[in-house]
Amino acid sequence: MPAANESDTGLSPVKLSRLSKRGVLLGLSVAQLIALAIGVASFIAGMMSGGTWMLYSAALWAPAVLIGFVPLGGRPIVEWLPVALHWTWRTMLGQTRYRARITRPRPAGTLALPGDAAALRQYADPVTKAVMVHDPHAQTLTALLEVHHSSFVLLDPGEQERRVQVWGRALATGCRSGRIARLQILERAIPDSGSGLAKWWAEQGNDDGSWVSETYKQLIDRAGPAGERHISTISVSLDMKAAARQIRAAGRGLKGAAEVLRQEMRTLVTALRAADLEPSDWYGPGQLSIMLRSAYDPEVSVALERAGGLGQDLATAGPVAVEEFWDRLRTDSGWHAVLWISEWPRSLTFPGFLSPVLLAGGVRRAFTLLCDPMRADQAARDVRKRKTEHISDRTQRQRIGQIEDATQSAELADVLQQEADLVSGHGALRYTGLIAITAPTSDELDTAVSTIEQAAVQASCETRRLVGQQASAFAAAALPLCRGL
């Protein structure tokens, strides 16, 4: 008798939208069109001038065609130019290196972080006792909590399907109010300090002094630091511009913004509990400071968890030194590299497809999913715009006799499916998947990156290293502050 597959037992496969690669005109990007225009103009000018001017013009149109259409690392060379130029400019200005000025106290209320995160401020909410992080440039206010949950892969398919449905409704709450700037789901795999096993033994064990209990305690002491622990957090960021009216009504300033954010926090907690998740109390300054310190100084994370009250000051939670390279980042006691999930599975897949990445053993990493909610009217306008552009491009290709390939047809089908979902009342979120990988040395980092890249292949995902922007990518992927790229 054939075994029942997952779809027969209640778990439905899903298909994720692919990243659109449609250009401005005939599949060409703006940069490619500019390079093409320069090449055509110089070629025509050389032909009209005649003689040796034709050879001189080749010095302009030949490189323009080369950088506009020759691929490098899967992208035309012309699309690498902004990244390379920005990296060169930052290197010349010394912005790729950071050293903490320990003799100069930082302004009160700052988080002591490098780069563009130096402007972040902390606000202690007197009601929830949570720490809220204010970004004065992006005009956002962020709070976070930890989420405990049962192992999804061990549930039966029917229960998995139910969990997927209620989790989707929980995410949809971020689209309804129009005041949420971003949701961040961060899942970290870190070495276990042994505190979890010790706590379990203290609560569940029978310490009667017998040989069995003594042996069990010794095993816990030895196995604890060698284990691995997974921590999941959810951060919610309030868009202070979109909520300006509600903030004014609540008292203006950070006090009014905190009141509005508390409303979104209560809504999120209710949605998480409805999804059979166990949210913790909202993080305070001490918990956030340990999380930030551990991200930049991974070697001290176990000691901080064991020490208890140490390292809980946000004013000193940042790194002492950061050095950014083209494809990696070096901080106090670790080397880091950030991968971007550039392609999600293109075929039908079942929930839990990220298990090879999330459960990869022996690699310290942080997986982040950035969710940018879109209001229903904005999402509808965006879908209509992309639908019109796809249809216009199809008409233009038919006019010039260009054959439409399967990728273009699949992208149009994704747009039509998104339109149908919006009509059915679903929310729209833009997803960005990032993986921050950490290792003690540069060589070990390369090995860990290869392991995660292979795990991503098993999950039917395509990853790309975010070269030239590793510092900002690390802040977005490893820190629970709803930072974007």
Protein backbone atom coordinates (compact mmCIF):
# COMPACT_ATOMS: atom_id res chain seq x y z
CA MET A 1 0.00 0.00 0.00
CA PRO A 2 1.56 3.34 -1.01
CA ALA A 3 2.43 5.72 1.80
CA ALA A 4 0.30 8.83 2.12
CA ASN A 5 2.07 12.02 1.18
CA GLU A 6 1.83 15.26 3.13
CA SER A 7 -0.89 16.73 0.95
CA ASP A 8 -3.08 13.69 1.66
CA THR A 9 -2.82 14.26 5.41
CA GLY A 10 -3.71 17.95 5.45
CA LEU A 11 -0.51 19.90 4.73
CA SER A 12 -0.88 22.04 1.60
CA PRO A 13 2.10 22.99 -0.56
CA VAL A 14 2.73 26.63 -1.32
CA LYS A 15 4.44 28.54 -4.10
CA LEU A 16 6.46 31.67 -3.36
CA SER A 17 6.69 34.62 -5.71
CA ARG A 18 9.98 34.98 -7.49
CA LEU A 19 12.12 38.11 -7.47
CA SER A 20 11.11 40.24 -10.43
CA LYS A 21 13.87 40.74 -12.99
CA ARG A 22 11.80 42.78 -15.37
CA GLY A 23 13.68 45.81 -16.73
CA VAL A 24 12.46 49.25 -17.67
CA LEU A 25 12.34 48.48 -21.41
CA LEU A 26 12.63 45.10 -23.09
CA GLY A 27 14.18 43.56 -20.00
CA LEU A 28 16.94 46.19 -19.74
CA SER A 29 17.55 48.09 -16.51
CA VAL A 30 18.06 51.85 -16.30
CA ALA A 31 21.83 51.42 -16.02
CA GLN A 32 21.90 49.17 -19.09
CA LEU A 33 19.79 51.64 -21.08
CA ILE A 34 22.17 54.47 -20.18
CA ALA A 35 25.19 52.40 -21.23
CA LEU A 36 23.40 51.43 -24.45
CA ALA A 37 22.51 55.05 -25.19
CA ILE A 38 26.11 56.17 -24.68
CA GLY A 39 27.38 53.39 -26.90
CA VAL A 40 24.88 54.07 -29.70
CA ALA A 41 25.44 57.85 -29.57
CA SER A 42 29.21 57.53 -29.74
CA PHE A 43 28.99 54.94 -32.54
CA ILE A 44 26.70 57.16 -34.64
CA ALA A 45 28.91 60.19 -33.99
CA GLY A 46 31.98 58.26 -35.12
CA MET A 47 30.24 57.06 -38.30
CA MET A 48 29.10 60.56 -39.20
CA SER A 49 32.58 61.99 -38.60
CA GLY A 50 34.25 59.26 -40.64
CA GLY A 51 37.93 58.50 -40.94
CA THR A 52 39.93 57.99 -37.80
CA TRP A 53 37.10 59.34 -35.65
CA MET A 54 35.41 55.97 -36.03
CA LEU A 55 38.39 54.35 -34.32
CA TYR A 56 38.45 57.01 -31.62
CA SER A 57 34.75 56.52 -30.90
CA ALA A 58 35.38 52.80 -30.39
CA ALA A 59 37.20 53.73 -27.18
CA LEU A 60 33.80 54.92 -25.87
CA TRP A 61 31.15 52.68 -27.37
CA ALA A 62 33.06 49.40 -26.97
CA PRO A 63 33.49 49.75 -23.16
CA ALA A 64 29.87 50.97 -22.88
CA VAL A 65 28.60 47.82 -24.58
CA LEU A 66 31.01 45.69 -22.55
CA ILE A 67 29.97 46.95 -19.11
CA GLY A 68 26.31 47.15 -20.11
CA PHE A 69 25.81 43.57 -21.27
CA VAL A 70 28.70 41.37 -20.11
CA PRO A 71 27.65 39.63 -16.85
CA LEU A 72 29.84 39.37 -13.78
CA GLY A 73 28.64 37.24 -10.88
CA GLY A 74 25.20 36.95 -12.44
CA ARG A 75 24.74 40.71 -12.95
CA PRO A 76 25.85 43.08 -15.73
CA ILE A 77 29.06 44.94 -14.92
CA VAL A 78 27.26 48.29 -15.04
CA GLU A 79 25.09 47.27 -12.07
CA TRP A 80 28.23 46.65 -9.99
CA LEU A 81 29.52 50.17 -10.55
CA PRO A 82 27.38 51.92 -7.86
CA VAL A 83 28.39 49.29 -5.30
CA ALA A 84 32.07 49.52 -6.18
CA LEU A 85 32.08 53.32 -6.26
CA HIS A 86 30.27 53.57 -2.93
CA TRP A 87 32.69 51.09 -1.38
CA THR A 88 35.69 53.01 -2.72
CA TRP A 89 34.31 56.30 -1.41
CA ARG A 90 33.68 54.85 2.06
CA THR A 91 37.15 53.33 2.12
CA MET A 92 38.77 56.65 1.24
CA LEU A 93 36.83 58.39 4.02
CA GLY A 94 37.79 55.71 6.56
CA GLN A 95 34.19 54.62 7.10
CA THR A 96 35.04 50.91 6.88
CA ARG A 97 36.84 51.00 10.23
CA TYR A 98 35.41 51.78 13.64
CA ARG A 99 37.14 52.16 16.99
CA ALA A 100 35.28 52.93 20.19
CA ARG A 101 36.48 56.09 21.90
CA ILE A 102 36.62 54.77 25.43
CA THR A 103 37.96 58.01 26.88
CA ARG A 104 34.99 59.99 25.61
CA PRO A 105 31.60 59.15 27.09
CA ARG A 106 28.83 58.73 24.56
CA PRO A 107 25.72 60.93 24.68
CA ALA A 108 23.18 59.74 27.21
CA GLY A 109 20.58 57.38 25.82
CA THR A 110 22.57 56.12 22.82
CA LEU A 111 23.24 52.46 22.01
CA ALA A 112 26.99 52.76 21.27
CA LEU A 113 26.68 51.13 17.85
CA PRO A 114 28.87 51.83 14.80
CA GLY A 115 27.97 53.27 11.42
CA ASP A 116 24.55 54.70 10.69
CA ALA A 117 23.20 52.89 13.78
CA ALA A 118 25.07 55.38 15.99
CA ALA A 119 22.03 57.67 15.89
CA LEU A 120 19.76 55.13 17.60
CA ARG A 121 18.36 56.16 20.98
CA GLN A 122 16.78 54.15 23.79
CA TYR A 123 13.51 54.97 25.49
CA ALA A 124 12.41 53.17 28.65
CA ASP A 125 8.68 52.62 28.56
CA PRO A 126 7.32 53.19 32.08
CA VAL A 127 4.23 51.03 31.47
CA THR A 128 5.61 47.80 29.98
CA LYS A 129 9.18 48.25 31.32
CA ALA A 130 10.34 47.54 27.78
CA VAL A 131 13.19 49.29 26.04
CA MET A 132 12.13 51.01 22.82
CA VAL A 133 14.72 51.93 20.22
CA HIS A 134 14.13 55.23 18.44
CA ASP A 135 15.65 55.90 15.02
CA PRO A 136 15.50 59.70 14.54
CA HIS A 137 16.44 59.46 10.87
CA ALA A 138 13.94 56.80 9.80
CA GLN A 139 11.38 58.04 12.36
CA THR A 140 10.66 54.61 13.80
CA LEU A 141 10.23 53.22 17.32
CA THR A 142 11.01 49.53 17.86
CA ALA A 143 10.32 46.98 20.61
CA LEU A 144 11.01 43.25 20.71
CA LEU A 145 10.12 40.10 22.59
CA GLU A 146 11.19 36.48 22.65
CA VAL A 147 8.91 33.73 21.35
CA HIS A 148 8.86 30.14 22.57
CA HIS A 149 7.33 27.44 20.43
CA SER A 150 7.22 23.72 19.92
CA SER A 151 9.30 22.12 17.20
CA PHE A 152 7.39 22.60 13.94
CA VAL A 153 9.04 19.69 12.12
CA LEU A 154 7.91 17.21 14.81
CA LEU A 155 4.21 18.08 14.47
CA ASP A 156 1.85 16.03 12.34
CA PRO A 157 0.93 17.55 8.93
CA GLY A 158 -2.58 18.52 9.99
CA GLU A 159 -1.30 20.47 12.98
CA GLN A 160 1.42 22.04 10.80
CA GLU A 161 -1.24 23.23 8.36
CA ARG A 162 -3.24 24.79 11.18
CA ARG A 163 -0.14 26.52 12.58
CA VAL A 164 0.69 27.91 9.15
CA GLN A 165 -2.80 29.36 8.75
CA VAL A 166 -2.88 31.07 12.16
CA TRP A 167 0.70 32.34 11.69
CA GLY A 168 -0.38 33.93 8.42
CA ARG A 169 -3.20 35.69 10.23
CA ALA A 170 -0.73 36.87 12.87
CA LEU A 171 1.49 38.42 10.20
CA ALA A 172 -1.54 39.99 8.53
CA THR A 173 -2.18 42.07 11.65
CA GLY A 174 0.78 44.21 10.66
CA CYS A 175 -0.96 45.27 7.43
CA ARG A 176 -4.28 46.36 8.90
CA SER A 177 -3.40 49.43 10.95
CA GLY A 178 -1.02 50.95 8.42
CA ARG A 179 1.23 52.12 11.27
CA ILE A 180 3.76 49.27 11.28
CA ALA A 181 6.95 50.08 9.42
CA ARG A 182 8.51 46.63 9.67
CA LEU A 183 8.34 43.29 11.45
CA GLN A 184 11.52 41.31 12.01
CA ILE A 185 11.62 37.61 12.82
CA LEU A 186 15.11 36.72 14.06
CA GLU A 187 16.17 33.15 14.81
CA ARG A 188 19.64 32.66 16.31
CA ALA A 189 21.66 29.50 16.83
CA ILE A 190 24.20 30.14 19.59
CA PRO A 191 26.32 27.98 21.91
CA ASP A 192 24.44 26.99 25.04
CA SER A 193 25.99 28.22 28.26
CA GLY A 194 24.41 25.32 30.13
CA SER A 195 21.97 27.56 31.97
CA GLY A 196 18.99 26.00 30.16
CA LEU A 197 19.90 22.44 31.17
CA ALA A 198 20.73 23.56 34.71
CA LYS A 199 17.38 25.32 34.99
CA TRP A 200 15.56 22.24 33.71
CA TRP A 201 17.36 20.03 36.23
CA ALA A 202 16.56 22.44 39.05
CA GLU A 203 12.87 22.38 38.13
CA GLN A 204 12.38 18.79 36.97
CA GLY A 205 15.25 16.77 38.42
CA ASN A 206 15.36 14.75 41.62
CA ASP A 207 18.56 15.74 43.39
CA ASP A 208 18.49 13.14 46.14
CA GLY A 209 22.25 12.69 46.43
CA SER A 210 22.21 9.28 44.80
CA TRP A 211 24.81 8.03 42.35
CA VAL A 212 22.34 8.46 39.47
CA SER A 213 21.58 12.10 40.27
CA GLU A 214 25.26 12.96 40.76
CA THR A 215 26.14 11.35 37.42
CA TYR A 216 23.30 13.23 35.74
CA LYS A 217 24.50 16.55 37.15
CA GLN A 218 28.03 15.87 35.90
CA LEU A 219 26.71 15.11 32.42
CA ILE A 220 24.75 18.39 32.42
CA ASP A 221 27.84 20.33 33.49
CA ARG A 222 29.89 18.80 30.68
CA ALA A 223 27.30 18.81 27.89
CA GLY A 224 25.78 22.21 28.58
CA PRO A 225 28.52 24.47 27.16
CA ALA A 226 28.97 22.12 24.17
CA GLY A 227 25.32 22.27 23.18
CA GLU A 228 23.47 24.62 20.89
CA ARG A 229 20.48 26.79 21.66
CA HIS A 230 17.95 28.42 19.35
CA ILE A 231 16.40 31.76 20.30
CA SER A 232 13.56 33.34 18.33
CA THR A 233 12.62 36.99 18.69
CA ILE A 234 10.07 39.20 16.96
CA SER A 235 10.62 42.95 16.65
CA VAL A 236 7.88 45.40 15.75
CA SER A 237 8.70 48.88 14.44
CA LEU A 238 6.23 51.77 14.51
CA ASP A 239 6.21 54.20 11.59
CA MET A 240 6.02 57.53 13.42
CA LYS A 241 5.23 59.41 10.21
CA ALA A 242 2.24 57.23 9.37
CA ALA A 243 1.05 57.39 13.00
CA ALA A 244 1.61 61.13 13.40
CA ARG A 245 -2.06 61.88 14.08
CA GLN A 246 -2.37 59.17 16.74
CA ILE A 247 0.92 60.28 18.33
CA ARG A 248 -0.31 63.85 18.63
CA ALA A 249 -3.52 62.64 20.24
CA ALA A 250 -1.53 60.50 22.71
CA GLY A 251 0.68 63.35 23.93
CA ARG A 252 3.25 63.99 21.18
CA GLY A 253 6.94 63.09 21.14
CA LEU A 254 8.33 59.75 22.25
CA LYS A 255 5.77 59.54 25.02
CA GLY A 256 2.91 59.64 22.52
CA ALA A 257 4.75 57.31 20.13
CA ALA A 258 5.27 54.81 22.96
CA GLU A 259 1.54 54.86 23.70
CA VAL A 260 0.71 54.11 20.05
CA LEU A 261 3.38 51.40 19.88
CA ARG A 262 1.94 49.76 23.01
CA GLN A 263 -1.34 49.33 21.16
CA GLU A 264 0.46 47.50 18.34
CA MET A 265 2.39 45.46 20.90
CA ARG A 266 -0.82 44.28 22.56
CA THR A 267 -2.28 43.37 19.18
CA LEU A 268 0.84 41.40 18.26
CA VAL A 269 0.88 39.50 21.56
CA THR A 270 -2.77 38.54 21.11
CA ALA A 271 -2.09 37.33 17.56
CA LEU A 272 0.94 35.30 18.71
CA ARG A 273 -1.04 33.57 21.43
CA ALA A 274 -3.77 32.77 18.93
CA ALA A 275 -1.04 31.13 16.82
CA ASP A 276 -0.11 28.84 19.76
CA LEU A 277 3.13 30.73 20.35
CA GLU A 278 4.33 31.72 23.82
CA PRO A 279 5.55 35.33 23.84
CA SER A 280 7.79 36.42 26.69
CA ASP A 281 7.77 39.80 28.37
CA TRP A 282 9.03 42.61 26.20
CA TYR A 283 12.80 42.96 26.29
CA GLY A 284 14.26 45.41 28.75
CA PRO A 285 17.57 47.29 28.45
CA GLY A 286 19.57 44.47 30.05
CA GLN A 287 18.32 41.76 27.71
CA LEU A 288 18.83 43.91 24.62
CA SER A 289 22.33 44.93 25.68
CA ILE A 290 23.40 41.29 26.12
CA MET A 291 21.98 40.46 22.70
CA LEU A 292 23.84 43.33 21.03
CA ARG A 293 27.08 42.58 22.86
CA SER A 294 26.91 38.89 21.96
CA ALA A 295 26.39 39.70 18.28
CA TYR A 296 29.60 41.74 18.04
CA ASP A 297 31.60 39.80 20.67
CA PRO A 298 30.48 36.16 20.35
CA GLU A 299 33.21 34.77 22.60
CA VAL A 300 31.81 36.60 25.62
CA SER A 301 28.18 35.54 25.15
CA VAL A 302 28.44 32.38 27.26
CA ALA A 303 30.22 34.25 30.06
CA LEU A 304 27.56 36.98 30.08
CA GLU A 305 24.75 34.46 30.40
CA ARG A 306 26.51 32.70 33.26
CA ALA A 307 27.50 35.93 35.04
CA GLY A 308 23.94 37.15 35.46
CA GLY A 309 24.09 40.90 36.07
CA LEU A 310 27.09 41.78 33.88
CA GLY A 311 26.92 43.44 30.48
CA GLN A 312 23.41 44.88 30.88
CA ASP A 313 24.25 48.51 30.12
CA LEU A 314 23.25 49.67 26.63
CA ALA A 315 25.82 52.47 26.81
CA THR A 316 28.61 49.86 26.57
CA ALA A 317 26.83 47.15 24.56
CA GLY A 318 28.40 48.10 21.25
CA PRO A 319 31.65 46.77 19.78
CA VAL A 320 35.11 48.06 20.63
CA ALA A 321 36.41 47.63 17.07
CA VAL A 322 34.87 46.86 13.68
CA GLU A 323 36.69 46.43 10.38
CA GLU A 324 34.71 45.93 7.20
CA PHE A 325 36.09 44.10 4.20
CA TRP A 326 34.60 43.64 0.73
CA ASP A 327 32.96 40.30 1.53
CA ARG A 328 33.18 39.96 5.33
CA LEU A 329 33.19 41.81 8.63
CA ARG A 330 35.53 41.55 11.61
CA THR A 331 34.40 42.59 15.08
CA ASP A 332 35.74 42.19 18.61
CA SER A 333 36.08 38.39 18.69
CA GLY A 334 34.42 37.18 15.53
CA TRP A 335 34.34 37.13 11.76
CA HIS A 336 31.00 37.54 10.04
CA ALA A 337 29.52 37.22 6.56
CA VAL A 338 25.95 37.99 5.50
CA LEU A 339 24.08 36.12 2.79
CA TRP A 340 20.96 37.35 1.07
CA ILE A 341 18.30 34.86 -0.02
CA SER A 342 17.94 36.12 -3.57
CA GLU A 343 15.63 33.32 -4.74
CA TRP A 344 13.06 31.41 -2.73
CA PRO A 345 11.88 27.98 -3.97
CA ARG A 346 10.43 28.35 -7.46
CA SER A 347 8.34 25.19 -7.38
CA LEU A 348 5.65 24.04 -4.98
CA THR A 349 7.09 23.42 -1.54
CA PHE A 350 5.81 22.54 1.90
CA PRO A 351 6.09 24.73 5.01
CA GLY A 352 9.24 23.93 6.87
CA PHE A 353 11.40 24.00 3.76
CA LEU A 354 13.96 26.16 5.61
CA SER A 355 14.76 23.35 8.06
CA PRO A 356 18.15 22.56 6.46
CA VAL A 357 19.23 26.16 7.05
CA LEU A 358 17.69 26.67 10.49
CA LEU A 359 18.86 23.30 11.84
CA ALA A 360 22.35 23.27 10.36
CA GLY A 361 24.54 22.08 13.23
CA GLY A 362 27.96 23.38 14.18
CA VAL A 363 27.47 26.84 12.66
CA ARG A 364 26.75 29.97 14.65
CA ARG A 365 24.32 31.99 12.59
CA ALA A 366 21.35 34.34 12.73
CA PHE A 367 18.48 34.04 10.27
CA THR A 368 16.39 37.17 9.79
CA LEU A 369 13.16 37.66 7.92
CA LEU A 370 12.30 41.32 7.39
CA CYS A 371 8.60 41.87 6.67
CA ASP A 372 7.54 45.28 5.34
CA PRO A 373 3.73 45.55 5.52
CA MET A 374 1.88 47.40 2.79
CA ARG A 375 -1.51 49.00 3.16
CA ALA A 376 -4.22 47.43 1.02
CA ASP A 377 -4.56 50.50 -1.23
CA GLN A 378 -0.80 50.79 -1.72
CA ALA A 379 -0.48 47.09 -2.46
CA ALA A 380 -3.35 47.28 -4.98
CA ARG A 381 -1.73 50.24 -6.76
CA ASP A 382 1.64 48.48 -6.84
CA VAL A 383 0.11 45.29 -8.28
CA ARG A 384 -1.84 47.24 -10.93
CA LYS A 385 1.32 49.13 -11.91
CA ARG A 386 3.38 45.97 -12.28
CA LYS A 387 0.57 44.24 -14.16
CA THR A 388 0.33 47.14 -16.62
CA GLU A 389 4.11 47.17 -17.10
CA HIS A 390 4.22 43.43 -17.79
CA ILE A 391 1.39 43.66 -20.32
CA SER A 392 3.00 46.69 -22.01
CA ASP A 393 6.33 44.87 -22.24
CA ARG A 394 4.60 41.84 -23.75
CA THR A 395 2.95 44.03 -26.39
CA GLN A 396 6.26 45.72 -27.19
CA ARG A 397 8.05 42.37 -27.54
CA GLN A 398 5.35 41.08 -29.88
CA ARG A 399 5.65 44.24 -31.97
CA ILE A 400 9.38 43.79 -32.56
CA GLY A 401 9.14 40.00 -32.89
CA GLN A 402 10.92 39.12 -29.63
CA ILE A 403 9.90 35.77 -28.12
CA GLU A 404 8.65 35.80 -24.56
CA ASP A 405 10.48 33.37 -22.30
CA ALA A 406 9.12 31.31 -19.42
CA THR A 407 10.58 33.62 -16.74
CA GLN A 408 8.55 36.59 -17.96
CA SER A 409 5.39 34.49 -18.11
CA ALA A 410 6.01 33.21 -14.56
CA GLU A 411 6.51 36.74 -13.21
CA LEU A 412 3.22 37.86 -14.76
CA ALA A 413 1.50 34.83 -13.23
CA ASP A 414 2.89 35.81 -9.82
CA VAL A 415 1.50 39.33 -10.21
CA LEU A 416 -1.92 37.99 -11.16
CA GLN A 417 -1.87 35.64 -8.16
CA GLN A 418 -0.98 38.53 -5.84
CA GLU A 419 -3.86 40.53 -7.27
CA ALA A 420 -6.24 37.63 -6.60
CA ASP A 421 -4.94 37.31 -3.03
CA LEU A 422 -5.52 41.03 -2.39
CA VAL A 423 -9.06 40.78 -3.74
CA SER A 424 -9.62 37.85 -1.35
CA GLY A 425 -8.67 40.07 1.59
CA HIS A 426 -5.12 38.89 2.30
CA GLY A 427 -2.43 41.32 3.46
CA ALA A 428 0.68 42.13 1.46
CA LEU A 429 4.18 42.00 2.91
CA ARG A 430 7.55 42.40 1.26
CA TYR A 431 9.99 39.79 2.51
CA THR A 432 13.77 39.98 2.75
CA GLY A 433 15.71 36.97 4.00
CA LEU A 434 19.20 37.43 5.46
CA ILE A 435 21.63 34.98 7.06
CA ALA A 436 24.49 36.29 9.24
CA ILE A 437 27.19 33.66 9.77
CA THR A 438 29.78 33.97 12.55
CA ALA A 439 33.07 32.13 13.15
CA PRO A 440 36.20 32.66 15.29
CA THR A 441 38.59 32.97 12.32
CA SER A 442 38.43 33.95 8.66
CA ASP A 443 39.20 30.41 7.48
CA GLU A 444 36.52 28.92 9.70
CA LEU A 445 34.13 31.55 8.38
CA ASP A 446 34.67 30.34 4.81
CA THR A 447 33.89 26.78 5.92
CA ALA A 448 30.76 27.90 7.76
CA VAL A 449 29.56 29.93 4.77
CA SER A 450 29.99 26.91 2.52
CA THR A 451 27.95 24.81 4.96
CA ILE A 452 25.08 27.31 4.99
CA GLU A 453 25.20 27.74 1.21
CA GLN A 454 24.88 23.98 0.80
CA ALA A 455 22.02 23.92 3.31
CA ALA A 456 20.30 26.66 1.30
CA VAL A 457 20.62 24.53 -1.83
CA GLN A 458 18.90 21.68 0.04
CA ALA A 459 16.12 24.15 0.93
CA SER A 460 15.78 25.07 -2.80
CA CYS A 461 16.94 28.63 -2.07
CA GLU A 462 19.57 30.69 -3.84
CA THR A 463 21.90 32.85 -1.73
CA ARG A 464 24.28 35.65 -2.61
CA ARG A 465 26.88 37.32 -0.43
CA LEU A 466 26.21 41.03 0.09
CA VAL A 467 29.60 42.33 -0.95
CA GLY A 468 30.53 45.95 -0.35
CA GLN A 469 27.89 46.39 2.38
CA GLN A 470 28.68 43.81 5.03
CA ALA A 471 28.51 46.26 7.97
CA SER A 472 24.99 47.50 7.25
CA ALA A 473 23.91 43.98 6.24
CA PHE A 474 25.15 42.59 9.56
CA ALA A 475 23.21 45.24 11.48
CA ALA A 476 20.07 44.24 9.57
CA ALA A 477 20.60 40.48 9.89
CA ALA A 478 22.04 39.97 13.40
CA LEU A 479 20.55 42.84 15.42
CA PRO A 480 16.84 42.82 16.41
CA LEU A 481 16.37 46.50 15.56
CA CYS A 482 14.31 46.27 12.34
CA ARG A 483 17.16 47.74 10.32
CA GLY A 484 16.85 47.68 6.54
CA LEU A 485 19.33 47.74 3.66
